[in-house]
Amino acid sequence: MDISCIPKLFCLPEAEKLTELNKGHINRTFLAVCGGEKYILQSLNRSVFHAPEVVMDNIGCIEAAFATAECSETAVPHFIACGDKNYAVADGEIWRIYNYIAATADTAANAAAAGLAFGTFVRIMDGKKLSDTPVIENFHDFDSYFRALASKKGVEHSVMETLYKLRDDLGQVFTGALKKRIIHGDAKPDNVICGDICTIIDLDTAMYGHAAIDYGDLVRSVCRGNDLAPVCEVTEGYAKGLCGLLDDDEVNSLYYGVLWITGELAVRYLIDSYSEVKYFRGKSSADCLDRANELFCRLDFFDSHGTEIKEMIMSCFGL
């Protein structure tokens, strides 16, 4: 089926204009103009999401949770129905569509707003249920990525030594006793649109995991230089959004989430640098190696500033 006709499956007019948006790594995304109205039209990448129907069922649960929550400052998109489902199937592909959301502010420049949005997400999803089927096999499983990298030939010994130590440190913090919650799984300012209210997008990776994973991804995303001010801002926002939800052990784990997610992403890019079939769409092996090296540098930075970041966390969470 021609892509311009996909909106008709959702009882919308055929798209008179389609513009592919290439910012994301995984799904094909289009800005579709249908009957003069703008929509975001996406095809789920089956090579990444092996159970796309589960992804969409999870999104339906998230929508329902936000619809009944008393929250005036954070929202999620409403996916337009195709019959009794929030997606359509055409030529073996899973498609979904929602109204375009215009940004009135740059979330990337407002770390506190991003922190608030994702803290609110974890709070609103507290006690809700998602599918037990993984949306991405072994996603955010540091040991799995570590083993995959260790199987590659030519990885520098110093890199593996760094990762051995990181794996051991994380294992002492993220034990079976530490609570798991529903998290976004890809928490970064790019996934929050600040319009009339802040809307959290890219809900495909929502999963059961530790709150520290979302926090770690936020810190990694907003702290790109040597200035720790964005870390303080995002921590204040995250704490405000959570509104006292986390227990003390979870709060104490947050800093280690920064190390986890930074190290994990470095490993994933390094794996892609050795692989013909890549997770990060459109990246060459050289691109992936460069990105991995950047992330290892960030890991060193976060490790050397651990005391300062921990103090910020304790202060923002009132411990």
Protein backbone atom coordinates (compact mmCIF):
# COMPACT_ATOMS: atom_id res chain seq x y z
CA MET A 1 0.00 0.00 0.00
CA ASP A 2 1.24 3.49 -0.81
CA ILE A 3 2.24 5.25 2.42
CA SER A 4 0.07 8.25 1.58
CA CYS A 5 -2.96 5.94 1.82
CA ILE A 6 -2.12 4.57 5.28
CA PRO A 7 -4.02 7.37 7.11
CA LYS A 8 -7.23 6.17 5.42
CA LEU A 9 -7.00 3.02 7.55
CA PHE A 10 -7.58 5.33 10.54
CA CYS A 11 -10.58 7.02 8.85
CA LEU A 12 -8.47 10.06 7.97
CA PRO A 13 -8.07 11.62 4.51
CA GLU A 14 -5.25 10.40 2.30
CA ALA A 15 -2.00 12.28 3.01
CA GLU A 16 -1.54 15.08 0.53
CA LYS A 17 1.99 15.65 1.82
CA LEU A 18 4.51 13.32 3.51
CA THR A 19 7.85 14.40 4.94
CA GLU A 20 10.14 11.74 6.39
CA LEU A 21 11.66 12.71 9.73
CA ASN A 22 15.10 11.14 10.13
CA LYS A 23 15.91 12.14 13.71
CA GLY A 24 15.11 8.77 15.32
CA HIS A 25 17.34 5.70 15.24
CA ILE A 26 14.70 2.98 14.92
CA ASN A 27 11.25 3.59 13.39
CA ARG A 28 10.34 5.20 10.09
CA THR A 29 8.55 8.44 10.97
CA PHE A 30 6.65 10.84 8.72
CA LEU A 31 4.99 14.20 9.13
CA ALA A 32 1.72 13.63 7.27
CA VAL A 33 -0.65 16.38 6.21
CA CYS A 34 -4.16 14.96 5.86
CA GLY A 35 -7.09 17.23 5.07
CA GLY A 36 -4.98 20.20 6.07
CA GLU A 37 -4.19 18.75 9.53
CA LYS A 38 -0.75 17.56 10.63
CA TYR A 39 -0.12 14.07 12.02
CA ILE A 40 2.86 11.93 13.03
CA LEU A 41 2.75 8.64 11.12
CA GLN A 42 5.12 5.85 12.13
CA SER A 43 5.97 2.32 11.07
CA LEU A 44 7.31 0.14 13.88
CA ASN A 45 10.63 -1.53 13.11
CA ARG A 46 9.96 -5.27 13.40
CA SER A 47 13.69 -6.08 13.40
CA VAL A 48 13.94 -4.22 16.73
CA PHE A 49 10.44 -4.75 18.13
CA HIS A 50 9.74 -8.45 17.61
CA ALA A 51 6.32 -8.15 19.25
CA PRO A 52 4.98 -4.81 17.95
CA GLU A 53 1.43 -5.66 19.01
CA VAL A 54 2.71 -5.86 22.61
CA VAL A 55 4.34 -2.44 22.21
CA MET A 56 1.01 -0.96 21.13
CA ASP A 57 -0.92 -2.71 23.91
CA ASN A 58 1.53 -1.21 26.42
CA ILE A 59 1.01 2.22 24.90
CA GLY A 60 -2.74 1.77 25.28
CA CYS A 61 -2.21 1.04 28.99
CA ILE A 62 -0.05 4.15 29.35
CA GLU A 63 -2.65 6.30 27.61
CA ALA A 64 -5.34 4.96 29.92
CA ALA A 65 -3.23 5.69 33.02
CA PHE A 66 -2.62 9.28 31.97
CA ALA A 67 -6.27 9.77 31.01
CA THR A 68 -7.38 9.02 34.57
CA ALA A 69 -4.47 10.74 36.36
CA GLU A 70 -4.84 14.13 38.00
CA CYS A 71 -1.99 15.74 36.09
CA SER A 72 -2.24 19.05 34.27
CA GLU A 73 1.40 19.48 33.25
CA THR A 74 2.41 16.17 31.61
CA ALA A 75 0.69 14.10 28.91
CA VAL A 76 1.28 11.36 26.33
CA PRO A 77 0.03 11.31 22.71
CA HIS A 78 -3.37 9.91 21.83
CA PHE A 79 -2.99 7.27 19.11
CA ILE A 80 -5.91 7.32 16.70
CA ALA A 81 -7.87 4.07 16.55
CA CYS A 82 -8.20 1.68 13.65
CA GLY A 83 -11.30 -0.27 14.61
CA ASP A 84 -10.72 -1.57 18.14
CA LYS A 85 -6.92 -1.19 18.02
CA ASN A 86 -4.49 1.72 18.23
CA TYR A 87 -2.57 0.56 15.15
CA ALA A 88 -3.15 -0.76 11.64
CA VAL A 89 -1.42 -3.50 9.67
CA ALA A 90 -0.59 -2.90 6.00
CA ASP A 91 1.67 -5.12 3.90
CA GLY A 92 2.96 -6.77 7.05
CA GLU A 93 3.94 -3.48 8.70
CA ILE A 94 2.52 -2.04 11.92
CA TRP A 95 1.49 1.61 11.53
CA ARG A 96 0.26 4.12 14.10
CA ILE A 97 -0.68 7.78 13.92
CA TYR A 98 -1.33 10.67 16.28
CA ASN A 99 -1.96 14.40 15.99
CA TYR A 100 1.16 16.49 15.49
CA ILE A 101 2.18 18.27 18.70
CA ALA A 102 3.75 21.68 18.22
CA ALA A 103 6.63 22.67 20.50
CA THR A 104 6.57 26.14 22.02
CA ALA A 105 9.81 25.75 23.98
CA ASP A 106 13.09 23.87 23.57
CA THR A 107 13.10 21.00 26.05
CA ALA A 108 16.80 20.41 25.38
CA ALA A 109 17.46 23.79 26.98
CA ASN A 110 15.23 23.05 29.97
CA ALA A 111 16.62 20.10 31.88
CA ALA A 112 14.20 20.64 34.76
CA ALA A 113 11.19 20.23 32.44
CA ALA A 114 12.55 16.94 31.09
CA GLY A 115 13.25 15.68 34.60
CA LEU A 116 9.77 16.66 35.77
CA ALA A 117 8.12 14.90 32.81
CA PHE A 118 9.89 11.58 33.31
CA GLY A 119 9.56 11.68 37.08
CA THR A 120 5.84 12.24 36.58
CA PHE A 121 5.73 9.31 34.13
CA VAL A 122 7.15 6.90 36.72
CA ARG A 123 4.74 8.24 39.37
CA ILE A 124 1.63 7.99 37.19
CA MET A 125 2.54 4.46 36.07
CA ASP A 126 3.13 3.31 39.66
CA GLY A 127 1.00 0.24 40.34
CA LYS A 128 -0.11 -0.14 36.71
CA LYS A 129 0.48 -3.23 34.60
CA LEU A 130 2.30 -3.74 31.30
CA SER A 131 2.90 -6.94 29.36
CA ASP A 132 5.56 -9.29 30.70
CA THR A 133 6.74 -9.84 27.12
CA PRO A 134 9.97 -7.85 26.52
CA VAL A 135 9.52 -5.12 23.91
CA ILE A 136 13.22 -5.52 23.01
CA GLU A 137 14.96 -8.71 24.07
CA ASN A 138 17.51 -8.03 26.86
CA PHE A 139 16.98 -4.25 26.62
CA HIS A 140 18.88 -2.51 29.44
CA ASP A 141 20.44 -5.84 30.43
CA PHE A 142 24.02 -4.73 31.00
CA ASP A 143 25.32 -8.29 31.42
CA SER A 144 23.84 -9.30 28.07
CA TYR A 145 25.50 -6.42 26.23
CA PHE A 146 28.76 -7.07 28.09
CA ARG A 147 28.78 -10.73 27.01
CA ALA A 148 28.00 -9.77 23.42
CA LEU A 149 30.95 -7.38 23.36
CA ALA A 150 33.28 -9.87 25.05
CA SER A 151 32.58 -12.30 22.20
CA LYS A 152 33.97 -9.83 19.66
CA LYS A 153 37.62 -10.06 18.64
CA GLY A 154 39.89 -7.04 18.84
CA VAL A 155 38.28 -5.14 21.74
CA GLU A 156 40.98 -3.28 23.66
CA HIS A 157 41.99 -4.88 26.97
CA SER A 158 41.71 -1.55 28.82
CA VAL A 159 38.09 -1.18 27.64
CA MET A 160 37.17 -4.63 28.90
CA GLU A 161 38.89 -3.96 32.25
CA THR A 162 36.82 -0.79 32.66
CA LEU A 163 33.64 -2.69 31.88
CA TYR A 164 34.49 -5.59 34.21
CA LYS A 165 34.78 -3.12 37.09
CA LEU A 166 31.58 -1.31 36.10
CA ARG A 167 29.66 -4.57 35.89
CA ASP A 168 30.85 -5.57 39.36
CA ASP A 169 29.94 -2.16 40.83
CA LEU A 170 26.46 -2.24 39.31
CA GLY A 171 25.88 -5.77 40.54
CA GLN A 172 26.40 -4.62 44.14
CA VAL A 173 23.77 -1.87 43.79
CA PHE A 174 21.11 -3.33 41.51
CA THR A 175 20.29 -6.47 43.42
CA GLY A 176 17.06 -8.44 43.36
CA ALA A 177 15.94 -6.52 46.45
CA LEU A 178 15.87 -3.17 44.65
CA LYS A 179 12.37 -2.26 43.50
CA LYS A 180 11.46 -2.26 39.83
CA ARG A 181 8.83 0.05 38.38
CA ILE A 182 7.39 0.94 35.00
CA ILE A 183 9.91 3.29 33.39
CA HIS A 184 10.03 5.02 30.03
CA GLY A 185 13.25 3.27 29.00
CA ASP A 186 14.51 6.06 26.70
CA ALA A 187 14.36 9.11 28.93
CA LYS A 188 15.94 12.10 27.20
CA PRO A 189 14.82 15.67 26.42
CA ASP A 190 14.31 14.77 22.75
CA ASN A 191 11.41 12.58 23.88
CA VAL A 192 9.54 15.42 25.56
CA ILE A 193 7.68 18.04 23.54
CA CYS A 194 7.07 21.24 25.48
CA GLY A 195 3.87 22.74 24.11
CA ASP A 196 0.82 23.87 26.07
CA ILE A 197 1.82 21.02 28.40
CA CYS A 198 4.82 18.68 28.25
CA THR A 199 4.05 15.57 26.16
CA ILE A 200 6.21 12.46 26.51
CA ILE A 201 6.68 10.66 23.19
CA ASP A 202 8.44 7.48 21.97
CA LEU A 203 6.71 5.22 24.46
CA ASP A 204 7.79 2.02 22.68
CA THR A 205 10.50 1.18 25.23
CA ALA A 206 8.28 1.46 28.32
CA MET A 207 9.16 -1.51 30.50
CA TYR A 208 9.71 -2.76 34.03
CA GLY A 209 13.04 -1.51 35.32
CA HIS A 210 14.78 0.59 37.92
CA ALA A 211 13.98 4.30 38.21
CA ALA A 212 17.75 4.86 38.09
CA ILE A 213 17.77 3.85 34.42
CA ASP A 214 15.53 6.76 33.38
CA TYR A 215 17.40 9.12 35.70
CA GLY A 216 20.76 7.96 34.34
CA ASP A 217 19.64 8.51 30.75
CA LEU A 218 18.41 11.98 31.63
CA VAL A 219 21.72 12.96 33.19
CA ARG A 220 23.70 11.48 30.31
CA SER A 221 21.53 13.40 27.84
CA VAL A 222 21.62 16.84 29.47
CA CYS A 223 25.24 16.84 30.70
CA ARG A 224 27.33 17.13 27.57
CA GLY A 225 30.15 19.38 28.75
CA ASN A 226 31.92 19.86 32.07
CA ASP A 227 29.13 21.93 33.62
CA LEU A 228 27.15 20.04 36.28
CA ALA A 229 24.39 22.68 36.47
CA PRO A 230 22.10 20.71 34.09
CA VAL A 231 22.51 17.66 36.34
CA CYS A 232 21.19 19.65 39.29
CA GLU A 233 18.27 20.97 37.21
CA VAL A 234 17.24 17.57 35.85
CA THR A 235 17.55 16.04 39.33
CA GLU A 236 15.33 18.72 40.84
CA GLY A 237 12.73 18.13 38.11
CA TYR A 238 12.86 14.34 38.46
CA ALA A 239 12.43 14.54 42.24
CA LYS A 240 9.51 16.94 41.87
CA GLY A 241 7.78 14.69 39.34
CA LEU A 242 8.20 11.62 41.56
CA CYS A 243 6.77 13.47 44.55
CA GLY A 244 8.39 11.22 47.18
CA LEU A 245 7.62 7.92 45.44
CA LEU A 246 11.10 6.35 45.64
CA ASP A 247 12.39 4.64 48.75
CA ASP A 248 15.85 5.45 50.15
CA ASP A 249 17.57 2.52 48.41
CA GLU A 250 16.18 3.67 45.06
CA VAL A 251 17.37 7.22 45.65
CA ASN A 252 20.82 5.91 46.57
CA SER A 253 20.90 3.92 43.32
CA LEU A 254 20.25 6.93 41.07
CA TYR A 255 23.89 7.93 40.62
CA TYR A 256 24.75 4.38 39.58
CA GLY A 257 22.05 4.62 36.95
CA VAL A 258 24.16 7.35 35.32
CA LEU A 259 27.14 4.98 35.14
CA TRP A 260 24.92 2.08 34.00
CA ILE A 261 23.25 3.83 31.10
CA THR A 262 26.39 5.64 29.92
CA GLY A 263 28.43 2.45 30.00
CA GLU A 264 25.63 0.41 28.43
CA LEU A 265 25.22 2.83 25.54
CA ALA A 266 28.99 2.87 24.97
CA VAL A 267 28.96 -0.94 24.80
CA ARG A 268 26.01 -0.98 22.40
CA TYR A 269 27.74 1.45 20.03
CA LEU A 270 30.96 -0.54 20.29
CA ILE A 271 29.07 -3.75 19.43
CA ASP A 272 27.54 -2.00 16.40
CA SER A 273 31.03 -0.91 15.28
CA TYR A 274 31.88 -4.62 14.91
CA SER A 275 28.52 -5.65 13.38
CA GLU A 276 27.23 -5.58 9.82
CA VAL A 277 23.59 -5.40 10.92
CA LYS A 278 23.33 -2.42 13.25
CA TYR A 279 20.82 -1.39 15.89
CA PHE A 280 21.54 2.31 15.32
CA ARG A 281 20.05 2.91 11.90
CA GLY A 282 22.11 4.98 9.46
CA LYS A 283 25.37 4.78 11.43
CA SER A 284 28.61 3.49 9.91
CA SER A 285 31.06 1.37 11.90
CA ALA A 286 33.34 4.41 12.18
CA ASP A 287 30.43 6.54 13.44
CA CYS A 288 29.63 3.91 16.07
CA LEU A 289 33.25 3.67 17.22
CA ASP A 290 33.50 7.45 17.55
CA ARG A 291 30.28 7.56 19.56
CA ALA A 292 31.44 4.72 21.81
CA ASN A 293 34.68 6.57 22.55
CA GLU A 294 32.75 9.74 23.37
CA LEU A 295 30.59 7.78 25.81
CA PHE A 296 33.60 6.18 27.50
CA CYS A 297 34.94 9.71 28.05
CA ARG A 298 31.59 10.69 29.58
CA LEU A 299 31.73 7.62 31.80
CA ASP A 300 35.12 8.79 33.11
CA PHE A 301 33.67 12.24 33.74
CA PHE A 302 30.68 10.94 35.70
CA ASP A 303 32.94 8.61 37.67
CA SER A 304 35.32 11.41 38.64
CA HIS A 305 32.42 13.69 39.68
CA GLY A 306 30.55 11.01 41.59
CA THR A 307 30.71 12.74 44.97
CA GLU A 308 29.23 15.97 43.60
CA ILE A 309 26.43 14.20 41.74
CA LYS A 310 25.55 12.10 44.79
CA GLU A 311 25.35 15.26 46.92
CA MET A 312 23.00 16.86 44.38
CA ILE A 313 20.77 13.79 44.46
CA MET A 314 20.64 13.70 48.25
CA SER A 315 19.83 17.40 48.42
CA CYS A 316 17.09 17.29 45.75
CA PHE A 317 15.45 14.22 47.30
CA GLY A 318 15.72 15.60 50.84
CA LEU A 319 17.98 12.87 52.24
